[in-house]
C-alpha atoms as a PDB file:
ATOM      1  CA  MET A   1     150.296  84.255 -42.526  1.00  0.00           C
ATOM      2  CA  ARG A   2     151.382  86.901 -40.010  1.00  0.00           C
ATOM      3  CA  PHE A   3     148.330  88.960 -40.860  1.00  0.00           C
ATOM      4  CA  LEU A   4     145.987  86.093 -39.981  1.00  0.00           C
ATOM      5  CA  PHE A   5     147.865  85.510 -36.737  1.00  0.00           C
ATOM      6  CA  LEU A   6     147.513  89.179 -35.899  1.00  0.00           C
ATOM      7  CA  LEU A   7     143.869  89.217 -36.869  1.00  0.00           C
ATOM      8  CA  PHE A   8     142.700  86.132 -35.001  1.00  0.00           C
ATOM      9  CA  ILE A   9     144.997  86.057 -31.977  1.00  0.00           C
ATOM     10  CA  ILE A  10     146.350  89.494 -31.120  1.00  0.00           C
ATOM     11  CA  VAL A  11     143.243  91.614 -31.850  1.00  0.00           C
ATOM     12  CA  PRO A  12     140.901  89.527 -29.633  1.00  0.00           C
ATOM     13  CA  ILE A  13     143.440  89.611 -26.793  1.00  0.00           C
ATOM     14  CA  ILE A  14     143.643  93.403 -27.069  1.00  0.00           C
ATOM     15  CA  GLU A  15     139.838  93.655 -27.238  1.00  0.00           C
ATOM     16  CA  ILE A  16     139.301  91.467 -24.178  1.00  0.00           C
ATOM     17  CA  THR A  17     141.911  93.370 -22.169  1.00  0.00           C
ATOM     18  CA  LEU A  18     140.385  96.703 -23.138  1.00  0.00           C
ATOM     19  CA  LEU A  19     136.835  95.538 -22.374  1.00  0.00           C
ATOM     20  CA  ILE A  20     137.921  94.315 -18.934  1.00  0.00           C
ATOM     21  CA  ASN A  21     139.718  97.597 -18.151  1.00  0.00           C
ATOM     22  CA  VAL A  22     136.782  99.725 -19.321  1.00  0.00           C
ATOM     23  CA  GLY A  23     134.388  97.467 -17.413  1.00  0.00           C
ATOM     24  CA  GLN A  24     136.399  97.943 -14.222  1.00  0.00           C
ATOM     25  CA  ALA A  25     136.471 101.714 -14.738  1.00  0.00           C
ATOM     26  CA  ILE A  26     132.820 102.389 -15.613  1.00  0.00           C
ATOM     27  CA  GLY A  27     131.053  99.129 -14.758  1.00  0.00           C
ATOM     28  CA  ALA A  28     130.099  96.053 -16.710  1.00  0.00           C
ATOM     29  CA  TRP A  29     126.614  97.201 -17.779  1.00  0.00           C
ATOM     30  CA  ASN A  30     127.882 100.596 -18.906  1.00  0.00           C
ATOM     31  CA  THR A  31     130.536  98.837 -20.978  1.00  0.00           C
ATOM     32  CA  VAL A  32     127.908  96.590 -22.568  1.00  0.00           C
ATOM     33  CA  GLY A  33     125.812  99.701 -23.227  1.00  0.00           C
ATOM     34  CA  LEU A  34     128.726 101.415 -24.966  1.00  0.00           C
ATOM     35  CA  VAL A  35     129.337  98.376 -27.168  1.00  0.00           C
ATOM     36  CA  LEU A  36     125.638  98.211 -28.118  1.00  0.00           C
ATOM     37  CA  LEU A  37     125.471 101.972 -28.690  1.00  0.00           C
ATOM     38  CA  SER A  38     128.475 101.894 -31.006  1.00  0.00           C
ATOM     39  CA  ALA A  39     126.901  99.029 -32.967  1.00  0.00           C
ATOM     40  CA  PHE A  40     123.597 100.937 -33.258  1.00  0.00           C
ATOM     41  CA  ILE A  41     125.265 104.169 -34.392  1.00  0.00           C
ATOM     42  CA  GLY A  42     127.519 102.228 -36.769  1.00  0.00           C
ATOM     43  CA  VAL A  43     124.639 100.400 -38.446  1.00  0.00           C
ATOM     44  CA  ASN A  44     122.816 103.686 -39.032  1.00  0.00           C
ATOM     45  CA  MET A  45     125.959 105.319 -40.426  1.00  0.00           C
ATOM     46  CA  LEU A  46     126.534 102.267 -42.614  1.00  0.00           C
ATOM     47  CA  ARG A  47     123.029 102.510 -44.045  1.00  0.00           C
ATOM     48  CA  TYR A  48     123.395 106.216 -44.875  1.00  0.00           C
ATOM     49  CA  GLN A  49     126.911 105.907 -46.330  1.00  0.00           C
ATOM     50  CA  GLY A  50     125.960 102.756 -48.250  1.00  0.00           C
ATOM     51  CA  PHE A  51     123.028 104.465 -49.964  1.00  0.00           C
ATOM     52  CA  SER A  52     125.209 107.465 -50.749  1.00  0.00           C
ATOM     53  CA  THR A  53     127.859 105.239 -52.353  1.00  0.00           C
ATOM     54  CA  LEU A  54     125.197 103.306 -54.264  1.00  0.00           C
ATOM     55  CA  ARG A  55     123.741 106.543 -55.684  1.00  0.00           C
ATOM     56  CA  ARG A  56     127.192 107.667 -56.837  1.00  0.00           C
ATOM     57  CA  ALA A  57     127.790 104.274 -58.480  1.00  0.00           C
ATOM     58  CA  GLN A  58     124.459 104.438 -60.292  1.00  0.00           C
ATOM     59  CA  GLY A  59     125.278 107.953 -61.487  1.00  0.00           C
ATOM     60  CA  ARG A  60     128.612 106.817 -62.907  1.00  0.00           C
ATOM     61  CA  MET A  61     127.016 103.802 -64.616  1.00  0.00           C
ATOM     62  CA  ALA A  62     124.340 106.051 -66.108  1.00  0.00           C
ATOM     63  CA  THR A  63     127.084 108.085 -67.802  1.00  0.00           C
ATOM     64  CA  GLY A  64     128.789 104.936 -69.082  1.00  0.00           C
ATOM     65  CA  GLU A  65     131.654 105.033 -66.594  1.00  0.00           C
ATOM     66  CA  MET A  66     132.859 102.100 -64.545  1.00  0.00           C
ATOM     67  CA  PRO A  67     132.134 102.706 -60.832  1.00  0.00           C
ATOM     68  CA  GLY A  68     135.428 101.172 -59.673  1.00  0.00           C
ATOM     69  CA  ARG A  69     135.984 103.549 -56.778  1.00  0.00           C
ATOM     70  CA  GLU A  70     132.420 103.055 -55.574  1.00  0.00           C
ATOM     71  CA  MET A  71     132.812  99.262 -55.733  1.00  0.00           C
ATOM     72  CA  VAL A  72     135.935  99.425 -53.592  1.00  0.00           C
ATOM     73  CA  GLU A  73     134.283 101.867 -51.188  1.00  0.00           C
ATOM     74  CA  GLY A  74     131.381  99.424 -50.905  1.00  0.00           C
ATOM     75  CA  ILE A  75     133.795  96.703 -49.834  1.00  0.00           C
ATOM     76  CA  VAL A  76     135.388  99.052 -47.287  1.00  0.00           C
ATOM     77  CA  LEU A  77     131.887  99.873 -45.993  1.00  0.00           C
ATOM     78  CA  ALA A  78     131.058  96.171 -45.633  1.00  0.00           C
ATOM     79  CA  VAL A  79     134.272  95.540 -43.704  1.00  0.00           C
ATOM     80  CA  GLY A  80     133.552  98.553 -41.503  1.00  0.00           C
ATOM     81  CA  GLY A  81     130.036  97.326 -40.806  1.00  0.00           C
ATOM     82  CA  ALA A  82     131.288  93.879 -39.841  1.00  0.00           C
ATOM     83  CA  LEU A  83     133.879  95.423 -37.519  1.00  0.00           C
ATOM     84  CA  LEU A  84     131.226  97.580 -35.854  1.00  0.00           C
ATOM     85  CA  LEU A  85     129.076  94.545 -35.154  1.00  0.00           C
ATOM     86  CA  THR A  86     132.060  92.779 -33.584  1.00  0.00           C
ATOM     87  CA  PRO A  87     132.092  93.529 -29.838  1.00  0.00           C
ATOM     88  CA  GLY A  88     135.074  95.619 -28.840  1.00  0.00           C
ATOM     89  CA  PHE A  89     136.457  99.116 -28.919  1.00  0.00           C
ATOM     90  CA  VAL A  90     139.450  98.632 -31.229  1.00  0.00           C
ATOM     91  CA  THR A  91     137.291  97.058 -33.944  1.00  0.00           C
ATOM     92  CA  ASP A  92     134.740  99.859 -33.443  1.00  0.00           C
ATOM     93  CA  VAL A  93     137.367 102.534 -34.049  1.00  0.00           C
ATOM     94  CA  ILE A  94     138.559 100.795 -37.222  1.00  0.00           C
ATOM     95  CA  GLY A  95     134.944 100.232 -38.295  1.00  0.00           C
ATOM     96  CA  PHE A  96     134.068 103.908 -37.820  1.00  0.00           C
ATOM     97  CA  LEU A  97     137.175 104.877 -39.818  1.00  0.00           C
ATOM     98  CA  CYS A  98     135.803 102.724 -42.660  1.00  0.00           C
ATOM     99  CA  LEU A  99     132.500 104.643 -42.536  1.00  0.00           C
ATOM    100  CA  ILE A 100     133.835 108.199 -42.402  1.00  0.00           C
ATOM    101  CA  PRO A 101     133.993 109.418 -46.029  1.00  0.00           C
ATOM    102  CA  PHE A 102     137.496 110.940 -45.830  1.00  0.00           C
ATOM    103  CA  THR A 103     139.194 107.876 -44.337  1.00  0.00           C
ATOM    104  CA  ARG A 104     137.079 105.471 -46.413  1.00  0.00           C
ATOM    105  CA  GLN A 105     138.300 107.202 -49.565  1.00  0.00           C
ATOM    106  CA  ARG A 106     141.910 106.887 -48.360  1.00  0.00           C
ATOM    107  CA  PHE A 107     141.391 103.152 -47.762  1.00  0.00           C
ATOM    108  CA  ALA A 108     139.859 102.894 -51.255  1.00  0.00           C
ATOM    109  CA  ASP A 109     142.839 104.754 -52.750  1.00  0.00           C
ATOM    110  CA  LEU A 110     145.168 102.293 -51.039  1.00  0.00           C
ATOM    111  CA  VAL A 111     143.273  99.330 -52.474  1.00  0.00           C
ATOM    112  CA  LEU A 112     143.024 100.896 -55.944  1.00  0.00           C
ATOM    113  CA  SER A 113     146.770 101.515 -56.005  1.00  0.00           C
ATOM    114  CA  LYS A 114     147.339  97.769 -55.578  1.00  0.00           C
ATOM    115  CA  VAL A 115     144.779  96.331 -58.025  1.00  0.00           C
ATOM    116  CA  THR A 116     143.598  96.569 -61.614  1.00  0.00           C
ATOM    117  CA  LEU A 117     139.871  96.718 -62.281  1.00  0.00           C
ATOM    118  CA  ILE A 118     138.628  95.347 -65.598  1.00  0.00           C
ATOM    119  CA  ASN A 119     135.197  95.466 -67.192  1.00  0.00           C
ATOM    120  CA  PRO A 120     135.571  93.295 -70.289  1.00  0.00           C
ATOM    121  CA  ALA A 121     132.011  93.971 -71.457  1.00  0.00           C
ATOM    122  CA  GLN A 122     132.825  97.624 -72.118  1.00  0.00           C
ATOM    123  CA  GLY A 123     136.598  97.500 -72.404  1.00  0.00           C
ATOM    124  CA  PHE A 124     137.102  99.722 -69.370  1.00  0.00           C
ATOM    125  CA  HIS A 125     140.022  99.101 -67.106  1.00  0.00           C
ATOM    126  CA  HIS A 126     141.823 100.857 -64.344  1.00  0.00           C
ATOM    127  CA  HIS A 127     145.466 100.809 -63.339  1.00  0.00           C
ATOM    128  CA  ALA A 128     146.892 102.252 -60.091  1.00  0.00           C
ATOM    129  CA  GLY A 129     145.391 105.682 -59.913  1.00  0.00           C
ATOM    130  CA  PRO A 130     141.875 106.204 -58.652  1.00  0.00           C
ATOM    131  CA  GLY A 131     139.372 107.581 -61.099  1.00  0.00           C
ATOM    132  CA  ASP A 132     141.562 107.328 -64.212  1.00  0.00           C
ATOM    133  CA  PHE A 133     139.402 105.113 -66.415  1.00  0.00           C
ATOM    134  CA  HIS A 134     139.633 105.035 -70.143  1.00  0.00           C
ATOM    135  CA  GLN A 135     138.247 102.889 -72.893  1.00  0.00           C
ATOM    136  CA  ALA A 136     140.713 100.519 -74.498  1.00  0.00           C
ATOM    137  CA  ASP A 137     140.891 100.467 -78.274  1.00  0.00           C
ATOM    138  CA  PRO A 138     141.410  96.848 -79.382  1.00  0.00           C
ATOM    139  CA  ARG A 139     142.434  98.027 -82.890  1.00  0.00           C
ATOM    140  CA  ASP A 140     145.340 100.130 -81.598  1.00  0.00           C
ATOM    141  CA  PRO A 141     148.499  97.945 -81.529  1.00  0.00           C
ATOM    142  CA  ARG A 142     150.310 100.573 -79.420  1.00  0.00           C
ATOM    143  CA  ASP A 143     147.719 100.262 -76.613  1.00  0.00           C
ATOM    144  CA  SER A 144     149.309  97.603 -74.404  1.00  0.00           C
ATOM    145  CA  SER A 145     146.296  97.631 -72.113  1.00  0.00           C
ATOM    146  CA  THR A 146     143.803  96.303 -74.650  1.00  0.00           C
ATOM    147  CA  LEU A 147     141.855  93.301 -73.534  1.00  0.00           C
ATOM    148  CA  HIS A 148     141.731  91.510 -76.876  1.00  0.00           C
ATOM    149  CA  LYS A 149     144.430  91.656 -79.508  1.00  0.00           C
ATOM    150  CA  GLY A 150     144.019  90.482 -83.070  1.00  0.00           C
ATOM    151  CA  ASP A 151     140.907  89.624 -85.008  1.00  0.00           C
ATOM    152  CA  VAL A 152     137.860  87.897 -83.629  1.00  0.00           C
ATOM    153  CA  ILE A 153     136.437  85.233 -85.889  1.00  0.00           C
ATOM    154  CA  ASP A 154     132.757  84.491 -85.455  1.00  0.00           C
ATOM    155  CA  GLY A 155     131.636  81.025 -86.408  1.00  0.00           C
ATOM    156  CA  GLU A 156     129.791  77.870 -85.506  1.00  0.00           C
ATOM    157  CA  TYR A 157     131.065  74.645 -84.017  1.00  0.00           C
ATOM    158  CA  ARG A 158     129.849  71.155 -84.905  1.00  0.00           C
ATOM    159  CA  ARG A 159     131.340  67.934 -83.622  1.00  0.00           C
ATOM    160  CA  GLU A 160     131.663  65.034 -86.064  1.00  0.00           C
ATOM    161  CA  ASP A 161     132.545  61.602 -84.730  1.00  0.00           C
END
């Protein structure tokens, strides 16, 4: 709840204050120009970084690996792009941090340390530690991370009234 308060109340107040101060220092039209320039540069960076991340994900899928890191980086890129399109300097700084590969990877590491990624179709899963994927063996009773335990019985279903 505090996060939403911070996001929707405090950040816009900071942005408005900063825009007014910058506008008084360099002029209103120059401030508008800076906001538009940052959005233009950000969109172009987003396009380049997005294609780069997509190519890496396709490469991992081609080798049979789950592109978990790339999926998370894609989400960070989308958030960064949205922040860059939001007028303001604070959101632009955060948005650019989401687009720079080094900081984007740190954000992705933070997310990956908090979540578990599962691909039930292939039995891949990922626990807190970026890039450490392995294939679960459903026949191994010692593997506590298996997705399905026990036997699977294939059959047909017919309802009789």
